[in-house]
Protein backbone atom coordinates (compact mmCIF):
# COMPACT_ATOMS: atom_id res chain seq x y z
CA UNK A 1 104.22 90.85 98.75
CA UNK A 2 107.54 90.96 96.91
CA UNK A 3 110.09 93.41 98.31
CA UNK A 4 113.19 94.53 96.43
CA UNK A 5 115.95 96.66 97.95
CA UNK A 6 118.52 98.11 95.53
CA UNK A 7 117.32 95.65 92.90
CA UNK A 8 117.71 92.56 95.10
CA UNK A 9 114.59 90.54 95.96
CA UNK A 10 114.29 90.15 99.73
CA UNK A 11 114.05 86.42 100.41
CA UNK A 12 115.16 85.79 103.99
CA UNK A 13 116.06 82.21 103.05
CA UNK A 14 118.79 83.47 100.70
CA UNK A 15 119.84 87.05 101.60
CA UNK A 16 121.76 88.16 104.71
CA UNK A 17 119.64 89.90 107.35
CA UNK A 18 119.80 91.11 110.95
CA UNK A 19 117.40 92.17 113.72
CA UNK A 20 114.75 89.62 112.76
CA UNK A 21 111.78 89.59 115.10
CA UNK A 22 108.19 88.34 114.97
CA UNK A 23 105.71 89.17 117.71
CA UNK A 24 102.00 88.50 118.04
CA UNK A 25 100.19 90.99 120.24
CA UNK A 26 97.36 88.75 121.39
CA UNK A 27 95.70 91.49 123.41
CA UNK A 28 95.44 93.80 120.38
CA UNK A 29 95.20 91.09 117.72
CA UNK A 30 98.12 92.45 115.66
CA UNK A 31 101.07 90.60 114.11
CA UNK A 32 104.40 92.47 113.90
CA UNK A 33 107.49 91.47 111.91
CA UNK A 34 110.83 93.24 111.58
CA UNK A 35 114.19 92.66 109.87
CA UNK A 36 117.05 94.64 108.34
CA UNK A 37 118.45 93.96 104.87
CA UNK A 38 121.17 95.97 103.11
CA UNK A 39 120.90 98.85 105.55
CA UNK A 40 117.10 99.14 105.37
CA UNK A 41 114.93 98.24 108.34
CA UNK A 42 111.62 96.72 107.26
CA UNK A 43 108.70 96.64 109.69
CA UNK A 44 105.40 94.93 108.88
CA UNK A 45 102.19 95.28 110.89
CA UNK A 46 99.06 93.35 109.98
CA UNK A 47 95.62 92.67 111.41
CA UNK A 48 92.23 91.30 110.41
CA UNK A 49 89.79 93.91 111.61
CA UNK A 50 87.28 93.12 114.32
CA UNK A 51 85.44 96.38 113.62
CA UNK A 52 85.11 95.77 109.85
CA UNK A 53 85.06 92.00 109.40
CA UNK A 54 85.85 92.14 105.66
CA UNK A 55 89.03 94.23 106.14
CA UNK A 56 92.63 93.02 106.29
CA UNK A 57 95.19 95.79 106.85
CA UNK A 58 98.92 95.37 106.14
CA UNK A 59 101.45 98.17 106.58
CA UNK A 60 105.10 98.09 105.54
CA UNK A 61 107.54 100.68 106.96
CA UNK A 62 110.97 101.20 105.37
CA UNK A 63 113.78 103.14 107.08
CA UNK A 64 117.43 103.41 106.03
CA UNK A 65 119.58 103.04 109.14
CA UNK A 66 123.04 103.17 107.51
CA UNK A 67 123.05 106.85 106.54
CA UNK A 68 122.56 105.99 102.85
CA UNK A 69 119.64 106.25 100.42
CA UNK A 70 118.24 103.04 98.96
CA UNK A 71 115.87 102.10 96.15
CA UNK A 72 112.88 100.16 97.48
CA UNK A 73 110.18 98.44 95.47
CA UNK A 74 107.13 96.57 96.75
CA UNK A 75 104.78 94.44 94.64
CA UNK A 76 101.48 93.74 96.41
CA UNK A 77 99.47 90.87 94.92
CA UNK A 78 96.09 89.16 95.05
CA UNK A 79 96.66 85.56 93.98
CA UNK A 80 93.85 83.26 92.89
CA UNK A 81 96.17 80.44 91.78
CA UNK A 82 95.76 78.40 94.96
CA UNK A 83 96.73 74.75 95.42
CA UNK A 84 95.82 72.76 98.53
CA UNK A 85 98.83 70.80 99.79
CA UNK A 86 96.68 67.76 100.54
CA UNK A 87 94.92 67.63 97.16
CA UNK A 88 95.70 65.03 94.52
CA UNK A 89 97.48 65.75 91.24
CA UNK A 90 97.93 69.49 91.97
CA UNK A 91 94.21 70.04 91.52
CA UNK A 92 93.07 73.68 91.45
CA UNK A 93 89.84 74.72 93.16
CA UNK A 94 89.24 78.30 91.92
CA UNK A 95 88.04 79.75 88.62
CA UNK A 96 88.57 83.45 87.97
CA UNK A 97 85.34 85.27 87.09
CA UNK A 98 86.58 88.85 86.95
CA UNK A 99 89.85 90.78 87.28
CA UNK A 100 90.48 94.52 87.18
CA UNK A 101 93.59 96.61 87.78
CA UNK A 102 94.15 100.36 87.93
CA UNK A 103 97.23 102.32 88.87
CA UNK A 104 96.81 101.80 92.61
CA UNK A 105 93.95 99.30 93.00
CA UNK A 106 93.41 95.65 92.05
CA UNK A 107 90.34 93.40 92.09
CA UNK A 108 89.90 89.65 91.68
CA UNK A 109 86.71 87.59 91.84
CA UNK A 110 86.87 83.79 91.95
CA UNK A 111 84.44 80.89 92.29
CA UNK A 112 85.06 77.36 93.50
CA UNK A 113 85.06 74.79 90.72
CA UNK A 114 82.13 72.36 90.30
CA UNK A 115 82.44 69.16 92.29
CA UNK A 116 80.67 65.77 92.36
CA UNK A 117 80.29 65.72 96.15
CA UNK A 118 77.29 68.02 96.54
CA UNK A 119 79.38 70.79 98.12
CA UNK A 120 77.88 74.18 97.17
CA UNK A 121 79.99 76.49 95.01
CA UNK A 122 80.70 79.94 96.38
CA UNK A 123 82.19 83.20 95.14
CA UNK A 124 84.93 85.30 96.76
CA UNK A 125 85.85 88.84 95.73
CA UNK A 126 89.01 90.59 96.93
CA UNK A 127 89.96 94.19 96.27
CA UNK A 128 93.10 96.03 97.44
CA UNK A 129 93.66 99.76 97.77
CA UNK A 130 96.60 101.67 99.19
CA UNK A 131 97.74 104.62 101.26
CA UNK A 132 101.38 105.03 100.26
CA UNK A 133 104.30 107.41 100.69
CA UNK A 134 105.92 105.82 97.62
CA UNK A 135 104.33 106.28 94.18
CA UNK A 136 102.62 103.53 92.19
CA UNK A 137 104.75 102.74 89.12
CA UNK A 138 103.30 99.59 87.54
CA UNK A 139 100.60 96.92 87.70
CA UNK A 140 100.45 93.13 87.52
CA UNK A 141 97.67 91.42 85.56
CA UNK A 142 97.93 87.71 84.80
CA UNK A 143 95.35 84.96 84.36
CA UNK A 144 94.89 84.37 88.09
CA UNK A 145 96.91 87.14 89.71
CA UNK A 146 96.62 90.91 89.94
CA UNK A 147 98.70 93.47 91.79
CA UNK A 148 100.24 96.90 92.14
CA UNK A 149 103.86 97.99 92.22
CA UNK A 150 105.21 100.87 94.33
CA UNK A 151 108.79 102.16 94.28
CA UNK A 152 110.97 105.04 95.39
CA UNK A 153 113.99 106.07 97.40
CA UNK A 154 114.17 105.53 101.15
CA UNK A 155 116.46 107.39 103.54
CA UNK A 156 116.41 108.12 107.25
CA UNK A 157 112.78 109.29 107.03
CA UNK A 158 110.44 106.30 107.24
CA UNK A 159 108.37 105.59 104.13
CA UNK A 160 105.17 103.57 104.56
CA UNK A 161 102.90 101.59 102.27
CA UNK A 162 99.54 100.54 103.70
CA UNK A 163 97.54 97.89 101.85
CA UNK A 164 93.85 97.62 102.64
CA UNK A 165 92.10 94.48 101.39
CA UNK A 166 88.35 93.97 101.43
CA UNK A 167 87.14 90.37 100.98
CA UNK A 168 83.45 89.64 100.40
CA UNK A 169 81.75 86.32 99.67
CA UNK A 170 78.48 84.91 98.38
CA UNK A 171 77.70 83.72 101.90
CA UNK A 172 76.67 87.30 102.69
CA UNK A 173 75.24 88.61 99.40
CA UNK A 174 72.55 87.51 96.99
CA UNK A 175 74.57 87.28 93.77
CA UNK A 176 77.97 87.92 92.23
CA UNK A 177 77.13 91.51 91.30
CA UNK A 178 76.26 92.27 94.92
CA UNK A 179 79.47 90.56 96.12
CA UNK A 180 81.52 92.78 93.82
CA UNK A 181 79.57 95.96 94.65
CA UNK A 182 80.07 95.33 98.37
CA UNK A 183 83.84 95.78 98.10
CA UNK A 184 83.35 99.31 96.78
CA UNK A 185 80.70 100.09 99.39
CA UNK A 186 82.89 98.97 102.29
CA UNK A 187 85.90 100.85 100.95
CA UNK A 188 83.77 103.99 100.74
CA UNK A 189 82.87 103.58 104.42
CA UNK A 190 86.54 103.64 105.48
CA UNK A 191 87.91 106.00 102.83
CA UNK A 192 88.45 108.88 105.26
CA UNK A 193 89.92 106.69 108.02
CA UNK A 194 93.64 106.75 108.75
CA UNK A 195 95.66 103.67 109.67
CA UNK A 196 95.46 104.76 113.32
CA UNK A 197 91.67 105.07 113.05
CA UNK A 198 91.36 101.53 111.72
CA UNK A 199 93.87 100.20 114.25
CA UNK A 200 92.07 101.88 117.17
CA UNK A 201 88.67 100.53 116.10
CA UNK A 202 90.17 97.05 115.79
CA UNK A 203 91.91 97.09 119.17
CA UNK A 204 88.79 98.51 120.84
CA UNK A 205 86.88 95.49 119.55
CA UNK A 206 89.48 93.18 121.04
CA UNK A 207 89.29 95.05 124.35
CA UNK A 208 85.56 94.27 124.46
CA UNK A 209 86.31 90.59 123.82
CA UNK A 210 88.92 90.44 126.56
CA UNK A 211 86.51 92.14 128.96
CA UNK A 212 84.21 89.14 128.51
CA UNK A 213 86.85 86.42 128.25
CA UNK A 214 89.81 87.55 130.35
CA UNK A 215 90.95 85.21 133.14
CA UNK A 216 92.75 86.60 136.19
CA UNK A 217 94.65 84.35 138.56
CA UNK A 218 95.56 85.63 142.00
CA UNK A 219 98.05 84.29 144.51
């Protein structure tokens, strides 16, 4: 995602920041990140769901802590222009089969390129939808990249943008049409769920895993 605060792109390698923290909750299977830039505290929570294996959930929380109001913009992308660092000559391995963008959703379907090594080709479809306190204002649609743009003013009241991504592959479905249709079907199954619902189902799945795998040392 690309975050802008008061028109400045937030790149922690170049902009001043404070309160940076990254924590991985291994018991719950959730990654947390936090930092403050230009008076706005940014908190990011993300997990790959145990309860719904195709779901990745990312939530950004923005809070002004300096008593001012700030303009915040977030661009959430699905990028199919992938290069492996260990490949020769910047070789690309994905062809885009389909791309669709609406005001607050984006979809990209890709297939691995043919190869002379006998490795089977496979298809991957990714679709993102949002639950957002800030309105959608624009879209991104390029040859191998799609996305949605949200923006608004942030004050002392926290504003959140939750991105839900469903990823399906030809490993699980008979053909490309079924791979694409599955993203809609899975989204429909979680449409009424809140972030807390999805989080609780995920952490409950991890609790079951720890019940089987936990090691206790006494003494």
